Amino acid sequence: MKFILGQKIGMSQCFSKTGQMTPVTLLEVGPCYILQKKTKEKEGYDSLQVGYKKIVRKSRIQKSAEGKQYYFIKEERIKPDETLKTGDEINLSAFKEGDLVKITGISKGKGFQGAMKLWNFKGKMASHGTKHEHRTIGSIGSRWPQRVILGKKMPGRMGADRTTVKNLKIIKIESENNLLVVKGAVPGRKGTLLEIRG
């Protein structure tokens, strides 16, 4: 099963032999442990419950079905014939350099933003004769119906959404340091929990 949990360390860059620069993201990945195996007969679906970063501190603890304590607990759907079982370790051995992975995480929260930044609106004319604010969204209604239509794009909170980036190439793997280096950017700030799928 090519699924593992990790955290974002930050961005860097690496250079090829010809001097070409590539932006990369450093990830601290695994090891993760299988806490529970759910089956279609008992729970109604097949999945594995995975724990990451075991802790001893008693405050803010999530408990799995086995009673073990981890900072992060996630579930991943699996095929019914998956051979992994409760207690097994998931590490970087399932991945290799050159693989393409899909990474899911929570994007950076940017707070309350106007429509130009949130929805990429063009804005009003900024030349002489424009009497009102240039960055407003203009009219939000119409002649009929006499109300604001549901789903109208307006100012609001931006970011802090569950985001997935596909086809990120693995540049380097350091299994002894639990380090994964992928090409390009991944969602979230430093320390964001990431779900990595092969």
N, C-alpha and C. Protein backbone atom coordinates (compact mmCIF):
# COMPACT_ATOMS: atom_id res chain seq x y z
N MET A 1 0.84 -1.19 0.00
CA MET A 1 0.00 0.00 0.00
C MET A 1 0.87 1.24 0.00
N LYS A 2 0.70 2.09 -1.02
CA LYS A 2 1.50 3.30 -1.11
C LYS A 2 0.73 4.46 -0.48
N PHE A 3 0.73 4.48 0.86
CA PHE A 3 0.09 5.55 1.62
C PHE A 3 0.90 5.77 2.88
N ILE A 4 1.19 7.04 3.18
CA ILE A 4 1.96 7.35 4.38
C ILE A 4 1.64 8.78 4.80
N LEU A 5 1.83 9.07 6.08
CA LEU A 5 1.61 10.41 6.61
C LEU A 5 2.94 11.10 6.87
N GLY A 6 2.95 12.41 6.75
CA GLY A 6 4.17 13.17 7.00
C GLY A 6 3.84 14.62 7.31
N GLN A 7 4.90 15.40 7.55
CA GLN A 7 4.75 16.82 7.83
C GLN A 7 5.70 17.63 6.96
N LYS A 8 5.26 18.83 6.61
CA LYS A 8 6.06 19.71 5.76
C LYS A 8 7.15 20.37 6.58
N ILE A 9 8.40 20.27 6.12
CA ILE A 9 9.53 20.93 6.77
C ILE A 9 9.73 22.33 6.18
N GLY A 10 9.68 22.42 4.88
CA GLY A 10 9.89 23.70 4.21
C GLY A 10 10.34 23.48 2.78
N MET A 11 10.61 24.58 2.08
CA MET A 11 11.05 24.50 0.69
C MET A 11 12.54 24.80 0.56
N SER A 12 13.12 24.25 -0.50
CA SER A 12 14.53 24.46 -0.78
C SER A 12 14.71 24.37 -2.29
N GLN A 13 15.94 24.15 -2.72
CA GLN A 13 16.22 23.97 -4.14
C GLN A 13 17.40 23.05 -4.31
N CYS A 14 17.40 22.35 -5.43
CA CYS A 14 18.53 21.48 -5.74
C CYS A 14 18.96 21.74 -7.17
N PHE A 15 20.21 21.37 -7.48
CA PHE A 15 20.79 21.66 -8.79
C PHE A 15 21.22 20.37 -9.47
N SER A 16 20.99 20.30 -10.77
CA SER A 16 21.43 19.15 -11.56
C SER A 16 22.90 19.31 -11.93
N LYS A 17 23.46 18.32 -12.58
CA LYS A 17 24.87 18.37 -12.99
C LYS A 17 25.12 19.48 -14.00
N THR A 18 24.08 19.83 -14.77
CA THR A 18 24.22 20.90 -15.76
C THR A 18 23.97 22.28 -15.17
N GLY A 19 23.62 22.33 -13.86
CA GLY A 19 23.40 23.61 -13.20
C GLY A 19 21.96 24.07 -13.20
N GLN A 20 21.05 23.23 -13.66
CA GLN A 20 19.63 23.61 -13.68
C GLN A 20 19.05 23.52 -12.27
N MET A 21 18.37 24.58 -11.85
CA MET A 21 17.80 24.64 -10.50
C MET A 21 16.38 24.08 -10.50
N THR A 22 16.07 23.29 -9.46
CA THR A 22 14.74 22.72 -9.30
C THR A 22 14.21 23.06 -7.91
N PRO A 23 13.03 23.71 -7.81
CA PRO A 23 12.45 23.96 -6.48
C PRO A 23 11.91 22.66 -5.89
N VAL A 24 12.19 22.41 -4.63
CA VAL A 24 11.76 21.16 -3.99
C VAL A 24 11.15 21.48 -2.61
N THR A 25 10.38 20.53 -2.10
CA THR A 25 9.82 20.62 -0.75
C THR A 25 10.34 19.46 0.07
N LEU A 26 10.78 19.74 1.28
CA LEU A 26 11.29 18.71 2.18
C LEU A 26 10.16 18.25 3.10
N LEU A 27 9.98 16.93 3.21
CA LEU A 27 8.92 16.35 4.02
C LEU A 27 9.51 15.37 5.03
N GLU A 28 9.07 15.48 6.28
CA GLU A 28 9.40 14.47 7.28
C GLU A 28 8.28 13.44 7.25
N VAL A 29 8.60 12.21 6.86
CA VAL A 29 7.58 11.22 6.56
C VAL A 29 7.77 9.96 7.41
N GLY A 30 6.68 9.52 8.06
CA GLY A 30 6.66 8.26 8.80
C GLY A 30 7.70 8.21 9.91
N PRO A 31 7.88 7.01 10.51
CA PRO A 31 7.09 5.80 10.22
C PRO A 31 5.70 5.89 10.82
N CYS A 32 4.75 5.20 10.17
CA CYS A 32 3.37 5.14 10.63
C CYS A 32 3.06 3.70 11.04
N TYR A 33 2.05 3.56 11.88
CA TYR A 33 1.68 2.24 12.38
C TYR A 33 0.20 1.99 12.19
N ILE A 34 -0.14 0.79 11.78
CA ILE A 34 -1.54 0.42 11.57
C ILE A 34 -2.17 0.11 12.92
N LEU A 35 -3.21 0.86 13.26
CA LEU A 35 -3.85 0.73 14.56
C LEU A 35 -5.09 -0.16 14.50
N GLN A 36 -5.75 -0.18 13.35
CA GLN A 36 -6.96 -0.99 13.22
C GLN A 36 -7.21 -1.29 11.76
N LYS A 37 -7.68 -2.49 11.48
CA LYS A 37 -8.06 -2.88 10.12
C LYS A 37 -9.57 -3.07 10.09
N LYS A 38 -10.26 -2.25 9.32
CA LYS A 38 -11.71 -2.33 9.23
C LYS A 38 -12.11 -3.15 8.00
N THR A 39 -13.12 -3.97 8.16
CA THR A 39 -13.57 -4.86 7.08
C THR A 39 -15.01 -4.55 6.70
N LYS A 40 -15.37 -4.97 5.49
CA LYS A 40 -16.73 -4.73 5.00
C LYS A 40 -17.76 -5.50 5.81
N GLU A 41 -17.38 -6.67 6.32
CA GLU A 41 -18.32 -7.49 7.09
C GLU A 41 -18.68 -6.83 8.42
N LYS A 42 -17.72 -6.18 9.06
CA LYS A 42 -17.94 -5.62 10.39
C LYS A 42 -18.31 -4.15 10.36
N GLU A 43 -17.50 -3.32 9.67
CA GLU A 43 -17.74 -1.87 9.65
C GLU A 43 -18.47 -1.38 8.40
N GLY A 44 -18.58 -2.22 7.38
CA GLY A 44 -19.29 -1.83 6.16
C GLY A 44 -18.38 -1.35 5.05
N TYR A 45 -17.06 -1.25 5.31
CA TYR A 45 -16.10 -0.84 4.28
C TYR A 45 -14.72 -1.32 4.70
N ASP A 46 -13.80 -1.39 3.72
CA ASP A 46 -12.44 -1.85 3.98
C ASP A 46 -11.51 -0.65 4.09
N SER A 47 -10.81 -0.54 5.23
CA SER A 47 -9.87 0.55 5.40
C SER A 47 -8.87 0.21 6.50
N LEU A 48 -7.81 1.02 6.56
CA LEU A 48 -6.81 0.90 7.62
C LEU A 48 -6.76 2.20 8.40
N GLN A 49 -6.72 2.09 9.72
CA GLN A 49 -6.53 3.25 10.57
C GLN A 49 -5.04 3.37 10.89
N VAL A 50 -4.45 4.52 10.54
CA VAL A 50 -3.01 4.70 10.61
C VAL A 50 -2.69 5.79 11.63
N GLY A 51 -1.71 5.51 12.51
CA GLY A 51 -1.27 6.49 13.49
C GLY A 51 0.12 7.00 13.17
N TYR A 52 0.34 8.30 13.42
CA TYR A 52 1.63 8.93 13.12
C TYR A 52 2.06 9.79 14.30
N LYS A 53 3.30 9.67 14.71
CA LYS A 53 3.91 10.40 15.82
C LYS A 53 3.28 10.04 17.17
N LYS A 54 3.76 8.95 17.74
CA LYS A 54 3.28 8.52 19.05
C LYS A 54 3.74 9.51 20.11
N ILE A 55 2.88 9.77 21.10
CA ILE A 55 3.18 10.75 22.14
C ILE A 55 2.94 10.14 23.52
N VAL A 56 3.56 10.75 24.51
CA VAL A 56 3.42 10.30 25.88
C VAL A 56 2.60 11.30 26.69
N ARG A 57 2.67 12.59 26.30
CA ARG A 57 1.98 13.65 27.02
C ARG A 57 0.47 13.40 27.03
N LYS A 58 -0.20 13.66 28.13
CA LYS A 58 -1.58 13.26 28.31
C LYS A 58 -2.59 14.29 27.79
N SER A 59 -2.15 15.50 27.48
CA SER A 59 -3.09 16.51 27.00
C SER A 59 -3.23 16.43 25.48
N ARG A 60 -4.42 16.70 24.99
CA ARG A 60 -4.73 16.73 23.54
C ARG A 60 -4.30 15.44 22.86
N ILE A 61 -4.82 14.33 23.31
CA ILE A 61 -4.43 13.02 22.77
C ILE A 61 -5.62 12.40 22.05
N GLN A 62 -5.36 11.87 20.86
CA GLN A 62 -6.35 11.05 20.16
C GLN A 62 -6.05 9.59 20.47
N LYS A 63 -7.07 8.82 20.78
CA LYS A 63 -6.87 7.41 21.09
C LYS A 63 -7.45 6.55 19.98
N SER A 64 -6.71 5.56 19.55
CA SER A 64 -7.19 4.64 18.54
C SER A 64 -7.97 3.53 19.20
N ALA A 65 -8.44 2.59 18.37
CA ALA A 65 -9.18 1.45 18.89
C ALA A 65 -8.31 0.57 19.77
N GLU A 66 -7.00 0.59 19.54
CA GLU A 66 -6.08 -0.22 20.32
C GLU A 66 -5.64 0.48 21.60
N GLY A 67 -6.05 1.73 21.80
CA GLY A 67 -5.68 2.46 23.00
C GLY A 67 -4.32 3.13 22.92
N LYS A 68 -3.63 3.05 21.78
CA LYS A 68 -2.35 3.71 21.62
C LYS A 68 -2.58 5.20 21.37
N GLN A 69 -1.60 6.00 21.68
CA GLN A 69 -1.77 7.44 21.64
C GLN A 69 -0.86 8.05 20.57
N TYR A 70 -1.47 8.81 19.65
CA TYR A 70 -0.74 9.41 18.55
C TYR A 70 -1.21 10.84 18.34
N TYR A 71 -0.29 11.65 17.82
CA TYR A 71 -0.66 13.01 17.45
C TYR A 71 -1.69 13.01 16.32
N PHE A 72 -1.47 12.16 15.32
CA PHE A 72 -2.33 12.15 14.14
C PHE A 72 -2.84 10.74 13.88
N ILE A 73 -4.12 10.63 13.59
CA ILE A 73 -4.74 9.35 13.23
C ILE A 73 -5.59 9.59 11.98
N LYS A 74 -5.34 8.82 10.93
CA LYS A 74 -6.08 8.94 9.68
C LYS A 74 -6.51 7.56 9.21
N GLU A 75 -7.50 7.55 8.32
CA GLU A 75 -7.96 6.31 7.70
C GLU A 75 -7.70 6.35 6.21
N GLU A 76 -7.41 5.19 5.65
CA GLU A 76 -7.18 5.07 4.21
C GLU A 76 -7.93 3.86 3.69
N ARG A 77 -8.73 4.06 2.66
CA ARG A 77 -9.46 2.95 2.03
C ARG A 77 -8.46 2.00 1.36
N ILE A 78 -8.75 0.71 1.43
CA ILE A 78 -7.87 -0.30 0.85
C ILE A 78 -8.69 -1.32 0.08
N LYS A 79 -8.00 -2.17 -0.65
CA LYS A 79 -8.66 -3.29 -1.33
C LYS A 79 -8.88 -4.41 -0.32
N PRO A 80 -9.92 -5.23 -0.52
CA PRO A 80 -10.20 -6.30 0.44
C PRO A 80 -9.07 -7.31 0.62
N ASP A 81 -8.21 -7.47 -0.41
CA ASP A 81 -7.15 -8.48 -0.34
C ASP A 81 -5.83 -7.90 0.22
N GLU A 82 -5.86 -6.73 0.82
CA GLU A 82 -4.64 -6.13 1.38
C GLU A 82 -4.09 -6.99 2.51
N THR A 83 -2.77 -7.27 2.46
CA THR A 83 -2.16 -8.20 3.42
C THR A 83 -1.71 -7.53 4.71
N LEU A 84 -1.67 -6.20 4.76
CA LEU A 84 -1.24 -5.52 5.98
C LEU A 84 -2.21 -5.79 7.12
N LYS A 85 -1.68 -5.83 8.34
CA LYS A 85 -2.52 -6.11 9.51
C LYS A 85 -2.17 -5.17 10.65
N THR A 86 -2.95 -5.22 11.71
CA THR A 86 -2.77 -4.35 12.86
C THR A 86 -1.38 -4.53 13.47
N GLY A 87 -0.70 -3.41 13.73
CA GLY A 87 0.64 -3.44 14.31
C GLY A 87 1.76 -3.29 13.30
N ASP A 88 1.46 -3.46 12.01
CA ASP A 88 2.50 -3.33 10.99
C ASP A 88 2.96 -1.88 10.86
N GLU A 89 4.22 -1.73 10.43
CA GLU A 89 4.80 -0.40 10.22
C GLU A 89 4.77 -0.04 8.75
N ILE A 90 4.44 1.22 8.47
CA ILE A 90 4.48 1.74 7.09
C ILE A 90 5.61 2.76 7.03
N ASN A 91 6.55 2.55 6.11
CA ASN A 91 7.68 3.47 5.98
C ASN A 91 7.91 3.79 4.52
N LEU A 92 9.05 4.43 4.25
CA LEU A 92 9.34 4.89 2.88
C LEU A 92 9.78 3.78 1.94
N SER A 93 9.83 2.54 2.40
CA SER A 93 10.29 1.44 1.54
C SER A 93 9.36 1.21 0.36
N ALA A 94 8.09 1.64 0.48
CA ALA A 94 7.13 1.44 -0.62
C ALA A 94 7.35 2.44 -1.75
N PHE A 95 8.11 3.51 -1.49
CA PHE A 95 8.34 4.53 -2.51
C PHE A 95 9.77 4.45 -3.03
N LYS A 96 9.98 4.98 -4.23
CA LYS A 96 11.34 5.04 -4.79
C LYS A 96 11.49 6.33 -5.58
N GLU A 97 12.73 6.73 -5.78
CA GLU A 97 13.01 7.97 -6.51
C GLU A 97 12.48 7.90 -7.93
N GLY A 98 11.84 8.98 -8.36
CA GLY A 98 11.25 9.02 -9.70
C GLY A 98 9.76 8.74 -9.71
N ASP A 99 9.21 8.23 -8.61
CA ASP A 99 7.77 7.97 -8.53
C ASP A 99 7.00 9.29 -8.54
N LEU A 100 5.77 9.22 -9.03
CA LEU A 100 4.85 10.36 -8.97
C LEU A 100 3.87 10.12 -7.83
N VAL A 101 3.72 11.10 -6.95
CA VAL A 101 2.84 10.96 -5.79
C VAL A 101 1.79 12.06 -5.79
N LYS A 102 0.73 11.79 -5.03
CA LYS A 102 -0.37 12.74 -4.85
C LYS A 102 -0.37 13.14 -3.37
N ILE A 103 -0.29 14.44 -3.08
CA ILE A 103 -0.16 14.91 -1.70
C ILE A 103 -1.36 15.79 -1.35
N THR A 104 -1.99 15.47 -0.21
CA THR A 104 -3.17 16.18 0.26
C THR A 104 -2.88 16.83 1.61
N GLY A 105 -3.32 18.07 1.77
CA GLY A 105 -3.13 18.79 3.04
C GLY A 105 -4.05 20.00 3.11
N ILE A 106 -3.98 20.72 4.22
CA ILE A 106 -4.78 21.92 4.41
C ILE A 106 -3.95 23.13 3.98
N SER A 107 -4.48 23.91 3.04
CA SER A 107 -3.74 25.06 2.51
C SER A 107 -3.64 26.17 3.55
N LYS A 108 -2.73 27.11 3.31
CA LYS A 108 -2.55 28.24 4.21
C LYS A 108 -3.82 29.09 4.29
N GLY A 109 -4.19 29.48 5.51
CA GLY A 109 -5.31 30.39 5.68
C GLY A 109 -4.87 31.83 5.48
N LYS A 110 -5.61 32.60 4.67
CA LYS A 110 -5.22 33.97 4.34
C LYS A 110 -6.21 35.00 4.90
N GLY A 111 -7.18 34.54 5.70
CA GLY A 111 -8.10 35.47 6.33
C GLY A 111 -9.14 36.02 5.37
N PHE A 112 -9.80 37.09 5.79
CA PHE A 112 -10.86 37.71 4.99
C PHE A 112 -10.24 38.50 3.85
N GLN A 113 -10.66 38.19 2.62
CA GLN A 113 -10.10 38.86 1.44
C GLN A 113 -11.21 39.40 0.56
N GLY A 114 -10.87 40.42 -0.22
CA GLY A 114 -11.81 40.98 -1.17
C GLY A 114 -11.97 40.10 -2.39
N ALA A 115 -12.92 40.46 -3.24
CA ALA A 115 -13.24 39.62 -4.40
C ALA A 115 -12.11 39.58 -5.43
N MET A 116 -11.31 40.66 -5.51
CA MET A 116 -10.23 40.67 -6.51
C MET A 116 -9.17 39.64 -6.17
N LYS A 117 -8.84 39.49 -4.90
CA LYS A 117 -7.85 38.48 -4.52
C LYS A 117 -8.47 37.10 -4.41
N LEU A 118 -9.69 37.02 -3.88
CA LEU A 118 -10.33 35.73 -3.64
C LEU A 118 -10.79 35.06 -4.92
N TRP A 119 -11.39 35.84 -5.84
CA TRP A 119 -11.96 35.28 -7.06
C TRP A 119 -11.28 35.78 -8.33
N ASN A 120 -10.22 36.58 -8.20
CA ASN A 120 -9.48 37.09 -9.36
C ASN A 120 -10.34 38.00 -10.23
N PHE A 121 -11.19 38.82 -9.60
CA PHE A 121 -11.98 39.79 -10.35
C PHE A 121 -11.06 40.85 -10.94
N LYS A 122 -11.49 41.44 -12.05
CA LYS A 122 -10.68 42.45 -12.74
C LYS A 122 -10.68 43.79 -12.00
N GLY A 123 -11.82 44.16 -11.40
CA GLY A 123 -11.93 45.47 -10.75
C GLY A 123 -12.48 46.52 -11.72
N LYS A 124 -12.81 47.67 -11.17
CA LYS A 124 -13.37 48.74 -11.99
C LYS A 124 -12.27 49.57 -12.64
N MET A 125 -12.68 50.52 -13.51
CA MET A 125 -11.72 51.41 -14.16
C MET A 125 -11.00 52.26 -13.12
N ALA A 126 -9.74 52.52 -13.32
CA ALA A 126 -8.95 53.30 -12.37
C ALA A 126 -8.54 54.64 -12.94
N SER A 127 -9.21 55.06 -14.04
CA SER A 127 -8.83 56.32 -14.68
C SER A 127 -9.65 57.47 -14.11
N HIS A 128 -9.46 58.69 -14.64
CA HIS A 128 -10.20 59.87 -14.21
C HIS A 128 -11.69 59.68 -14.49
N GLY A 129 -12.49 60.15 -13.56
CA GLY A 129 -13.94 60.07 -13.75
C GLY A 129 -14.58 58.93 -12.99
N THR A 130 -13.79 58.00 -12.47
CA THR A 130 -14.35 56.92 -11.66
C THR A 130 -14.57 57.44 -10.24
N LYS A 131 -15.83 57.45 -9.82
CA LYS A 131 -16.17 58.11 -8.56
C LYS A 131 -16.08 57.17 -7.36
N HIS A 132 -16.19 55.87 -7.58
CA HIS A 132 -16.30 54.96 -6.46
C HIS A 132 -15.05 54.08 -6.35
N GLU A 133 -15.03 53.28 -5.29
CA GLU A 133 -13.88 52.42 -5.01
C GLU A 133 -13.59 51.49 -6.19
N HIS A 134 -12.31 51.36 -6.56
CA HIS A 134 -11.93 50.58 -7.74
C HIS A 134 -11.97 49.07 -7.50
N ARG A 135 -11.91 48.64 -6.24
CA ARG A 135 -11.79 47.21 -5.95
C ARG A 135 -13.10 46.58 -5.49
N THR A 136 -14.22 47.31 -5.55
CA THR A 136 -15.49 46.74 -5.14
C THR A 136 -16.02 45.79 -6.21
N ILE A 137 -17.02 44.97 -5.84
CA ILE A 137 -17.52 43.95 -6.77
C ILE A 137 -18.67 44.47 -7.63
N GLY A 138 -19.16 45.68 -7.34
CA GLY A 138 -20.25 46.23 -8.13
C GLY A 138 -21.59 45.68 -7.68
N SER A 139 -22.56 45.66 -8.59
CA SER A 139 -23.91 45.21 -8.26
C SER A 139 -23.91 43.72 -7.97
N ILE A 140 -24.67 43.33 -6.94
CA ILE A 140 -24.76 41.90 -6.61
C ILE A 140 -26.16 41.36 -6.88
N GLY A 141 -27.05 42.20 -7.41
CA GLY A 141 -28.41 41.76 -7.69
C GLY A 141 -28.76 41.88 -9.16
N SER A 142 -30.03 41.69 -9.46
CA SER A 142 -30.52 41.80 -10.83
C SER A 142 -31.98 42.25 -10.78
N ARG A 143 -32.55 42.48 -11.93
CA ARG A 143 -33.95 42.92 -11.95
C ARG A 143 -34.86 41.81 -11.43
N TRP A 144 -34.55 40.59 -11.80
CA TRP A 144 -35.34 39.45 -11.31
C TRP A 144 -34.46 38.21 -11.25
N PRO A 145 -34.44 37.44 -10.19
CA PRO A 145 -35.22 37.61 -8.96
C PRO A 145 -34.67 38.74 -8.10
N GLN A 146 -35.51 39.32 -7.28
CA GLN A 146 -35.12 40.47 -6.49
C GLN A 146 -34.45 40.02 -5.18
N ARG A 147 -33.34 39.39 -5.35
CA ARG A 147 -32.57 38.91 -4.20
C ARG A 147 -31.16 38.57 -4.69
N VAL A 148 -30.27 38.31 -3.77
CA VAL A 148 -28.92 37.88 -4.13
C VAL A 148 -28.98 36.38 -4.43
N ILE A 149 -28.55 35.99 -5.61
CA ILE A 149 -28.64 34.60 -6.04
C ILE A 149 -27.66 33.75 -5.24
N LEU A 150 -28.10 32.56 -4.84
CA LEU A 150 -27.27 31.64 -4.07
C LEU A 150 -26.00 31.29 -4.85
N GLY A 151 -24.86 31.37 -4.20
CA GLY A 151 -23.59 31.04 -4.84
C GLY A 151 -22.87 32.22 -5.45
N LYS A 152 -23.41 33.43 -5.25
CA LYS A 152 -22.77 34.63 -5.79
C LYS A 152 -21.37 34.80 -5.21
N LYS A 153 -20.40 35.05 -6.06
CA LYS A 153 -19.01 35.23 -5.61
C LYS A 153 -18.86 36.60 -4.95
N MET A 154 -18.52 36.55 -3.67
CA MET A 154 -18.40 37.77 -2.87
C MET A 154 -17.17 37.68 -1.98
N PRO A 155 -16.79 38.81 -1.33
CA PRO A 155 -15.65 38.73 -0.41
C PRO A 155 -15.90 37.73 0.71
N GLY A 156 -14.83 37.15 1.24
CA GLY A 156 -14.97 36.18 2.32
C GLY A 156 -13.63 35.60 2.70
N ARG A 157 -13.67 34.57 3.53
CA ARG A 157 -12.44 33.94 3.99
C ARG A 157 -11.77 33.15 2.87
N MET A 158 -10.45 33.23 2.84
CA MET A 158 -9.67 32.60 1.77
C MET A 158 -8.68 31.60 2.37
N GLY A 159 -8.54 30.47 1.73
CA GLY A 159 -7.57 29.46 2.17
C GLY A 159 -8.14 28.55 3.23
N ALA A 160 -7.23 27.80 3.90
CA ALA A 160 -7.59 26.82 4.92
C ALA A 160 -8.55 25.78 4.37
N ASP A 161 -8.31 25.36 3.13
CA ASP A 161 -9.14 24.34 2.47
C ASP A 161 -8.31 23.07 2.28
N ARG A 162 -9.00 21.94 2.24
CA ARG A 162 -8.35 20.67 1.93
C ARG A 162 -7.98 20.66 0.45
N THR A 163 -6.69 20.57 0.16
CA THR A 163 -6.18 20.71 -1.20
C THR A 163 -5.31 19.52 -1.57
N THR A 164 -5.41 19.09 -2.82
CA THR A 164 -4.61 17.98 -3.32
C THR A 164 -3.79 18.43 -4.51
N VAL A 165 -2.50 18.09 -4.51
CA VAL A 165 -1.61 18.36 -5.64
C VAL A 165 -1.17 17.02 -6.21
N LYS A 166 -1.38 16.83 -7.50
CA LYS A 166 -1.08 15.54 -8.13
C LYS A 166 0.23 15.59 -8.91
N ASN A 167 0.76 14.40 -9.19
CA ASN A 167 1.92 14.21 -10.06
C ASN A 167 3.15 14.99 -9.60
N LEU A 168 3.45 14.89 -8.30
CA LEU A 168 4.68 15.46 -7.77
C LEU A 168 5.77 14.39 -7.82
N LYS A 169 6.88 14.71 -8.43
CA LYS A 169 7.95 13.73 -8.62
C LYS A 169 8.86 13.67 -7.39
N ILE A 170 9.17 12.44 -6.97
CA ILE A 170 10.09 12.25 -5.85
C ILE A 170 11.52 12.43 -6.36
N ILE A 171 12.21 13.41 -5.82
CA ILE A 171 13.58 13.71 -6.23
C ILE A 171 14.58 12.87 -5.43
N LYS A 172 14.35 12.74 -4.13
CA LYS A 172 15.31 12.04 -3.28
C LYS A 172 14.61 11.44 -2.07
N ILE A 173 15.12 10.29 -1.60
CA ILE A 173 14.61 9.63 -0.40
C ILE A 173 15.77 9.34 0.53
N GLU A 174 15.64 9.75 1.79
CA GLU A 174 16.61 9.40 2.82
C GLU A 174 15.88 8.62 3.91
N SER A 175 15.90 7.30 3.78
CA SER A 175 15.13 6.45 4.69
C SER A 175 15.63 6.54 6.12
N GLU A 176 16.97 6.69 6.30
CA GLU A 176 17.52 6.72 7.66
C GLU A 176 17.08 7.97 8.42
N ASN A 177 16.76 9.06 7.70
CA ASN A 177 16.30 10.30 8.34
C ASN A 177 14.81 10.54 8.15
N ASN A 178 14.10 9.55 7.55
CA ASN A 178 12.66 9.68 7.26
C ASN A 178 12.38 10.95 6.47
N LEU A 179 13.22 11.22 5.47
CA LEU A 179 13.12 12.45 4.68
C LEU A 179 12.72 12.13 3.24
N LEU A 180 11.74 12.88 2.76
CA LEU A 180 11.27 12.74 1.39
C LEU A 180 11.37 14.11 0.72
N VAL A 181 11.99 14.15 -0.46
CA VAL A 181 12.16 15.40 -1.21
C VAL A 181 11.35 15.28 -2.50
N VAL A 182 10.37 16.18 -2.68
CA VAL A 182 9.54 16.15 -3.87
C VAL A 182 9.70 17.45 -4.66
N LYS A 183 9.50 17.36 -5.95
CA LYS A 183 9.62 18.52 -6.82
C LYS A 183 8.38 19.40 -6.69
N GLY A 184 8.60 20.72 -6.54
CA GLY A 184 7.50 21.67 -6.49
C GLY A 184 6.99 21.93 -5.09
N ALA A 185 5.84 22.59 -5.02
CA ALA A 185 5.25 23.02 -3.75
C ALA A 185 4.12 22.09 -3.35
N VAL A 186 3.89 21.99 -2.04
CA VAL A 186 2.79 21.20 -1.50
C VAL A 186 1.93 22.11 -0.63
N PRO A 187 0.67 21.73 -0.35
CA PRO A 187 -0.21 22.62 0.42
C PRO A 187 0.27 22.82 1.84
N GLY A 188 -0.07 24.00 2.40
CA GLY A 188 0.10 24.25 3.83
C GLY A 188 1.37 24.97 4.21
N ARG A 189 1.43 25.28 5.51
CA ARG A 189 2.59 25.94 6.10
C ARG A 189 3.55 24.88 6.63
N LYS A 190 4.62 25.32 7.28
CA LYS A 190 5.55 24.39 7.90
C LYS A 190 4.86 23.65 9.04
N GLY A 191 5.02 22.34 9.07
CA GLY A 191 4.39 21.53 10.11
C GLY A 191 3.03 20.98 9.73
N THR A 192 2.51 21.32 8.55
CA THR A 192 1.20 20.82 8.12
C THR A 192 1.23 19.32 7.94
N LEU A 193 0.18 18.63 8.42
CA LEU A 193 0.05 17.20 8.21
C LEU A 193 -0.30 16.94 6.75
N LEU A 194 0.41 16.00 6.12
CA LEU A 194 0.21 15.68 4.72
C LEU A 194 -0.08 14.20 4.55
N GLU A 195 -0.99 13.89 3.62
CA GLU A 195 -1.28 12.52 3.24
C GLU A 195 -0.63 12.27 1.89
N ILE A 196 0.27 11.30 1.82
CA ILE A 196 1.05 11.03 0.61
C ILE A 196 0.61 9.68 0.05
N ARG A 197 0.17 9.70 -1.22
CA ARG A 197 -0.30 8.48 -1.87
C ARG A 197 0.48 8.26 -3.16
N GLY A 198 0.83 6.99 -3.42
CA GLY A 198 1.56 6.64 -4.62
C GLY A 198 0.65 6.41 -5.81
